Amino acid sequence: MNAPTQKPVRRSRLWLWVAVAVVACAAGALAGQFVFAPKAASDHAVETFFQTRLPDPSGVDIDLSKLRGKTVVVNFWAPWCGPCVEEMPELTALHAEYAPRKVEFVGIGIDSAANIQQFVKKVPVAYPLAVAGFAGTELSRNFGNAAGGLPYTVVINPDGSVKYRKMGRVTSDELRAVLPRS
């Protein structure tokens, strides 16, 4: 009588080990996706950013590699984006506040040079603006902006790691919380 009861116990143990193995594989795959992949994707995005040269609204090249080794606030924006326009005075004020701390700001405009030139005549911006056109959307996607929405702000640490990302209007207080204090 013992023989029939042992077979189901062995089968249930076998299924238990199979289930544990499946869960372990799934956990490993998720860990690889969420722990290791974002760092690699961020590394690629930062390196692509630093290898990029974009013109300013007047056509003069901005060599983004000169920002390497500094804290950099990258703001993807467009003149037709309401929240982008709203945050620009705050970003300009932060640029002045953080200049002594070697924090660099750069706005990546997702529009034409002519439209950005018209915009800066109405809204003064003290930090460098680059004209990326719609190719800038791809650059922002590299940083994790899957939707390609604007505004999108990224803070890059001096070591090249991404410290902060935000889709939507960013405030001075949000950036102060992630920027160097001294």
C-alpha atoms as a PDB file:
ATOM      1  CA  MET A   1       0.000   0.000   0.000  1.00  0.00           C
ATOM      2  CA  ASN A   2       2.923   2.352   0.533  1.00  0.00           C
ATOM      3  CA  ALA A   3       4.099   2.128  -3.060  1.00  0.00           C
ATOM      4  CA  PRO A   4       1.098   3.968  -4.626  1.00  0.00           C
ATOM      5  CA  THR A   5       1.342   6.871  -2.161  1.00  0.00           C
ATOM      6  CA  GLN A   6       5.069   7.434  -2.792  1.00  0.00           C
ATOM      7  CA  LYS A   7       4.668   7.979  -6.537  1.00  0.00           C
ATOM      8  CA  PRO A   8       2.474  11.106  -6.204  1.00  0.00           C
ATOM      9  CA  VAL A   9       4.839  12.484  -3.556  1.00  0.00           C
ATOM     10  CA  ARG A  10       7.817  12.059  -5.907  1.00  0.00           C
ATOM     11  CA  ARG A  11       5.877  13.638  -8.787  1.00  0.00           C
ATOM     12  CA  SER A  12       4.773  16.557  -6.646  1.00  0.00           C
ATOM     13  CA  ARG A  13       8.378  17.071  -5.540  1.00  0.00           C
ATOM     14  CA  LEU A  14       9.498  16.957  -9.170  1.00  0.00           C
ATOM     15  CA  TRP A  15       6.887  19.560 -10.120  1.00  0.00           C
ATOM     16  CA  LEU A  16       7.922  21.669  -7.166  1.00  0.00           C
ATOM     17  CA  TRP A  17      11.566  21.655  -8.360  1.00  0.00           C
ATOM     18  CA  VAL A  18      10.482  22.426 -11.916  1.00  0.00           C
ATOM     19  CA  ALA A  19       8.414  25.351 -10.624  1.00  0.00           C
ATOM     20  CA  VAL A  20      11.354  26.602  -8.530  1.00  0.00           C
ATOM     21  CA  ALA A  21      13.645  26.373 -11.573  1.00  0.00           C
ATOM     22  CA  VAL A  22      11.168  28.285 -13.748  1.00  0.00           C
ATOM     23  CA  VAL A  23      10.774  30.994 -11.100  1.00  0.00           C
ATOM     24  CA  ALA A  24      14.562  31.225 -10.695  1.00  0.00           C
ATOM     25  CA  CYS A  25      15.023  31.600 -14.468  1.00  0.00           C
ATOM     26  CA  ALA A  26      12.339  34.272 -14.637  1.00  0.00           C
ATOM     27  CA  ALA A  27      13.875  36.122 -11.680  1.00  0.00           C
ATOM     28  CA  GLY A  28      17.282  35.981 -13.338  1.00  0.00           C
ATOM     29  CA  ALA A  29      15.898  37.312 -16.592  1.00  0.00           C
ATOM     30  CA  LEU A  30      14.109  40.135 -14.775  1.00  0.00           C
ATOM     31  CA  ALA A  31      17.214  40.973 -12.779  1.00  0.00           C
ATOM     32  CA  GLY A  32      19.198  41.116 -15.993  1.00  0.00           C
ATOM     33  CA  GLN A  33      16.609  43.359 -17.594  1.00  0.00           C
ATOM     34  CA  PHE A  34      16.084  45.759 -14.724  1.00  0.00           C
ATOM     35  CA  VAL A  35      19.430  45.729 -12.935  1.00  0.00           C
ATOM     36  CA  PHE A  36      22.022  45.401 -15.660  1.00  0.00           C
ATOM     37  CA  ALA A  37      20.315  46.681 -18.833  1.00  0.00           C
ATOM     38  CA  PRO A  38      19.435  50.199 -17.644  1.00  0.00           C
ATOM     39  CA  LYS A  39      23.039  50.880 -16.679  1.00  0.00           C
ATOM     40  CA  ALA A  40      24.240  49.699 -20.076  1.00  0.00           C
ATOM     41  CA  ALA A  41      21.509  51.709 -21.802  1.00  0.00           C
ATOM     42  CA  SER A  42      22.376  54.766 -19.707  1.00  0.00           C
ATOM     43  CA  ASP A  43      26.066  54.327 -20.475  1.00  0.00           C
ATOM     44  CA  HIS A  44      25.270  54.195 -24.184  1.00  0.00           C
ATOM     45  CA  ALA A  45      22.984  57.240 -23.954  1.00  0.00           C
ATOM     46  CA  VAL A  46      25.589  59.294 -22.095  1.00  0.00           C
ATOM     47  CA  GLU A  47      28.359  58.295 -24.496  1.00  0.00           C
ATOM     48  CA  THR A  48      26.155  59.116 -27.497  1.00  0.00           C
ATOM     49  CA  PHE A  49      25.317  62.471 -25.916  1.00  0.00           C
ATOM     50  CA  PHE A  50      28.986  63.340 -25.341  1.00  0.00           C
ATOM     51  CA  GLN A  51      29.883  62.334 -28.906  1.00  0.00           C
ATOM     52  CA  THR A  52      27.239  64.643 -30.353  1.00  0.00           C
ATOM     53  CA  ARG A  53      27.858  68.031 -31.934  1.00  0.00           C
ATOM     54  CA  LEU A  54      24.791  70.184 -32.469  1.00  0.00           C
ATOM     55  CA  PRO A  55      24.430  73.731 -33.752  1.00  0.00           C
ATOM     56  CA  ASP A  56      23.146  76.531 -31.581  1.00  0.00           C
ATOM     57  CA  PRO A  57      20.281  78.632 -33.025  1.00  0.00           C
ATOM     58  CA  SER A  58      22.787  80.805 -34.944  1.00  0.00           C
ATOM     59  CA  GLY A  59      24.476  77.751 -36.509  1.00  0.00           C
ATOM     60  CA  VAL A  60      27.639  77.608 -34.366  1.00  0.00           C
ATOM     61  CA  ASP A  61      28.500  74.045 -33.306  1.00  0.00           C
ATOM     62  CA  ILE A  62      28.210  73.082 -29.653  1.00  0.00           C
ATOM     63  CA  ASP A  63      30.652  70.302 -28.797  1.00  0.00           C
ATOM     64  CA  LEU A  64      28.885  68.367 -26.053  1.00  0.00           C
ATOM     65  CA  SER A  65      32.075  66.406 -25.285  1.00  0.00           C
ATOM     66  CA  LYS A  66      33.343  69.517 -23.486  1.00  0.00           C
ATOM     67  CA  LEU A  67      30.733  68.812 -20.795  1.00  0.00           C
ATOM     68  CA  ARG A  68      32.268  65.423 -19.951  1.00  0.00           C
ATOM     69  CA  GLY A  69      33.412  65.183 -16.313  1.00  0.00           C
ATOM     70  CA  LYS A  70      30.904  67.765 -15.076  1.00  0.00           C
ATOM     71  CA  THR A  71      27.413  67.595 -13.659  1.00  0.00           C
ATOM     72  CA  VAL A  72      25.163  68.286 -16.650  1.00  0.00           C
ATOM     73  CA  VAL A  73      21.464  69.143 -16.720  1.00  0.00           C
ATOM     74  CA  VAL A  74      20.097  68.217 -20.144  1.00  0.00           C
ATOM     75  CA  ASN A  75      16.655  69.582 -20.929  1.00  0.00           C
ATOM     76  CA  PHE A  76      14.848  68.376 -24.053  1.00  0.00           C
ATOM     77  CA  TRP A  77      12.281  71.002 -25.034  1.00  0.00           C
ATOM     78  CA  ALA A  78      10.461  72.712 -27.888  1.00  0.00           C
ATOM     79  CA  PRO A  79       9.107  76.252 -28.379  1.00  0.00           C
ATOM     80  CA  TRP A  80       5.599  74.882 -28.993  1.00  0.00           C
ATOM     81  CA  CYS A  81       5.605  72.901 -25.712  1.00  0.00           C
ATOM     82  CA  GLY A  82       3.752  74.832 -22.981  1.00  0.00           C
ATOM     83  CA  PRO A  83       5.373  73.123 -19.965  1.00  0.00           C
ATOM     84  CA  CYS A  84       8.801  73.562 -21.620  1.00  0.00           C
ATOM     85  CA  VAL A  85       8.264  77.297 -21.922  1.00  0.00           C
ATOM     86  CA  GLU A  86       7.015  77.504 -18.309  1.00  0.00           C
ATOM     87  CA  GLU A  87      10.126  75.840 -16.865  1.00  0.00           C
ATOM     88  CA  MET A  88      12.715  77.832 -18.842  1.00  0.00           C
ATOM     89  CA  PRO A  89      12.858  80.885 -16.509  1.00  0.00           C
ATOM     90  CA  GLU A  90      13.482  78.521 -13.569  1.00  0.00           C
ATOM     91  CA  LEU A  91      16.187  76.678 -15.497  1.00  0.00           C
ATOM     92  CA  THR A  92      17.810  80.000 -16.402  1.00  0.00           C
ATOM     93  CA  ALA A  93      17.811  81.031 -12.722  1.00  0.00           C
ATOM     94  CA  LEU A  94      19.254  77.642 -11.682  1.00  0.00           C
ATOM     95  CA  HIS A  95      21.938  77.957 -14.347  1.00  0.00           C
ATOM     96  CA  ALA A  96      23.100  81.212 -12.744  1.00  0.00           C
ATOM     97  CA  GLU A  97      22.826  79.771  -9.218  1.00  0.00           C
ATOM     98  CA  TYR A  98      24.832  76.628 -10.024  1.00  0.00           C
ATOM     99  CA  ALA A  99      27.474  78.148 -12.340  1.00  0.00           C
ATOM    100  CA  PRO A 100      29.973  78.516  -9.431  1.00  0.00           C
ATOM    101  CA  ARG A 101      29.454  74.818  -8.619  1.00  0.00           C
ATOM    102  CA  LYS A 102      30.504  73.764 -12.122  1.00  0.00           C
ATOM    103  CA  VAL A 103      27.044  72.509 -13.074  1.00  0.00           C
ATOM    104  CA  GLU A 104      26.386  72.862 -16.791  1.00  0.00           C
ATOM    105  CA  PHE A 105      22.966  73.263 -18.392  1.00  0.00           C
ATOM    106  CA  VAL A 106      22.106  72.605 -22.019  1.00  0.00           C
ATOM    107  CA  GLY A 107      18.738  72.747 -23.742  1.00  0.00           C
ATOM    108  CA  ILE A 108      18.230  70.403 -26.676  1.00  0.00           C
ATOM    109  CA  GLY A 109      15.604  71.995 -28.914  1.00  0.00           C
ATOM    110  CA  ILE A 110      13.296  69.696 -30.811  1.00  0.00           C
ATOM    111  CA  ASP A 111      12.478  72.187 -33.571  1.00  0.00           C
ATOM    112  CA  SER A 112      14.062  74.198 -36.363  1.00  0.00           C
ATOM    113  CA  ALA A 113      16.757  76.815 -35.831  1.00  0.00           C
ATOM    114  CA  ALA A 114      14.403  79.522 -37.124  1.00  0.00           C
ATOM    115  CA  ASN A 115      11.688  78.646 -34.605  1.00  0.00           C
ATOM    116  CA  ILE A 116      14.178  78.477 -31.745  1.00  0.00           C
ATOM    117  CA  GLN A 117      15.667  81.847 -32.782  1.00  0.00           C
ATOM    118  CA  GLN A 118      12.177  83.397 -32.694  1.00  0.00           C
ATOM    119  CA  PHE A 119      11.558  81.836 -29.296  1.00  0.00           C
ATOM    120  CA  VAL A 120      14.726  83.210 -27.653  1.00  0.00           C
ATOM    121  CA  LYS A 121      13.813  86.702 -28.858  1.00  0.00           C
ATOM    122  CA  LYS A 122      10.706  86.462 -26.664  1.00  0.00           C
ATOM    123  CA  VAL A 123      12.037  84.326 -23.798  1.00  0.00           C
ATOM    124  CA  PRO A 124      15.667  84.982 -22.849  1.00  0.00           C
ATOM    125  CA  VAL A 125      17.631  81.857 -21.971  1.00  0.00           C
ATOM    126  CA  ALA A 126      21.078  82.162 -20.368  1.00  0.00           C
ATOM    127  CA  TYR A 127      22.327  78.608 -20.861  1.00  0.00           C
ATOM    128  CA  PRO A 128      23.361  77.076 -24.196  1.00  0.00           C
ATOM    129  CA  LEU A 129      20.614  75.891 -26.515  1.00  0.00           C
ATOM    130  CA  ALA A 130      21.288  73.327 -29.216  1.00  0.00           C
ATOM    131  CA  VAL A 131      19.120  72.716 -32.265  1.00  0.00           C
ATOM    132  CA  ALA A 132      18.516  69.007 -32.732  1.00  0.00           C
ATOM    133  CA  GLY A 133      15.321  69.071 -34.762  1.00  0.00           C
ATOM    134  CA  PHE A 134      13.293  65.915 -34.511  1.00  0.00           C
ATOM    135  CA  ALA A 135      16.505  63.850 -34.269  1.00  0.00           C
ATOM    136  CA  GLY A 136      16.660  65.128 -30.681  1.00  0.00           C
ATOM    137  CA  THR A 137      13.675  62.933 -29.878  1.00  0.00           C
ATOM    138  CA  GLU A 138      15.835  59.875 -30.558  1.00  0.00           C
ATOM    139  CA  LEU A 139      18.554  61.256 -28.302  1.00  0.00           C
ATOM    140  CA  SER A 140      16.004  61.683 -25.503  1.00  0.00           C
ATOM    141  CA  ARG A 141      14.714  58.150 -26.100  1.00  0.00           C
ATOM    142  CA  ASN A 142      18.247  56.871 -25.520  1.00  0.00           C
ATOM    143  CA  PHE A 143      17.944  58.345 -22.021  1.00  0.00           C
ATOM    144  CA  GLY A 144      14.732  56.417 -21.333  1.00  0.00           C
ATOM    145  CA  ASN A 145      12.096  58.759 -22.773  1.00  0.00           C
ATOM    146  CA  ALA A 146      10.195  55.923 -24.450  1.00  0.00           C
ATOM    147  CA  ALA A 147       7.193  58.119 -25.258  1.00  0.00           C
ATOM    148  CA  GLY A 148       9.351  60.856 -26.773  1.00  0.00           C
ATOM    149  CA  GLY A 149       7.376  63.440 -24.785  1.00  0.00           C
ATOM    150  CA  LEU A 150       8.496  66.902 -23.757  1.00  0.00           C
ATOM    151  CA  PRO A 151       9.857  68.380 -21.643  1.00  0.00           C
ATOM    152  CA  TYR A 152      12.298  65.688 -20.586  1.00  0.00           C
ATOM    153  CA  THR A 153      15.134  66.443 -18.177  1.00  0.00           C
ATOM    154  CA  VAL A 154      18.201  64.335 -17.396  1.00  0.00           C
ATOM    155  CA  VAL A 155      20.982  64.989 -14.871  1.00  0.00           C
ATOM    156  CA  ILE A 156      24.326  63.367 -15.673  1.00  0.00           C
ATOM    157  CA  ASN A 157      26.911  62.964 -12.897  1.00  0.00           C
ATOM    158  CA  PRO A 158      30.584  63.807 -13.493  1.00  0.00           C
ATOM    159  CA  ASP A 159      31.330  60.055 -13.671  1.00  0.00           C
ATOM    160  CA  GLY A 160      28.907  59.700 -16.598  1.00  0.00           C
ATOM    161  CA  SER A 161      26.108  57.990 -14.685  1.00  0.00           C
ATOM    162  CA  VAL A 162      22.554  59.234 -15.020  1.00  0.00           C
ATOM    163  CA  LYS A 163      21.352  60.536 -11.662  1.00  0.00           C
ATOM    164  CA  TYR A 164      17.909  61.839 -12.532  1.00  0.00           C
ATOM    165  CA  ARG A 165      15.277  61.642 -15.273  1.00  0.00           C
ATOM    166  CA  LYS A 166      11.937  63.347 -15.451  1.00  0.00           C
ATOM    167  CA  MET A 167       9.206  63.501 -18.038  1.00  0.00           C
ATOM    168  CA  GLY A 168       7.197  66.687 -17.701  1.00  0.00           C
ATOM    169  CA  ARG A 169       7.794  70.090 -16.204  1.00  0.00           C
ATOM    170  CA  VAL A 170      10.688  70.092 -13.753  1.00  0.00           C
ATOM    171  CA  THR A 171      10.886  72.509 -10.822  1.00  0.00           C
ATOM    172  CA  SER A 172      13.852  74.225  -9.199  1.00  0.00           C
ATOM    173  CA  ASP A 173      13.277  72.288  -5.975  1.00  0.00           C
ATOM    174  CA  GLU A 174      13.334  68.942  -7.798  1.00  0.00           C
ATOM    175  CA  LEU A 175      16.642  69.783  -9.444  1.00  0.00           C
ATOM    176  CA  ARG A 176      18.176  71.269  -6.287  1.00  0.00           C
ATOM    177  CA  ALA A 177      17.486  67.919  -4.581  1.00  0.00           C
ATOM    178  CA  VAL A 178      19.742  66.094  -7.083  1.00  0.00           C
ATOM    179  CA  LEU A 179      22.365  68.729  -7.912  1.00  0.00           C
ATOM    180  CA  PRO A 180      25.616  69.108  -5.945  1.00  0.00           C
ATOM    181  CA  ARG A 181      25.294  71.195  -2.795  1.00  0.00           C
ATOM    182  CA  SER A 182      28.801  72.645  -2.937  1.00  0.00           C
END
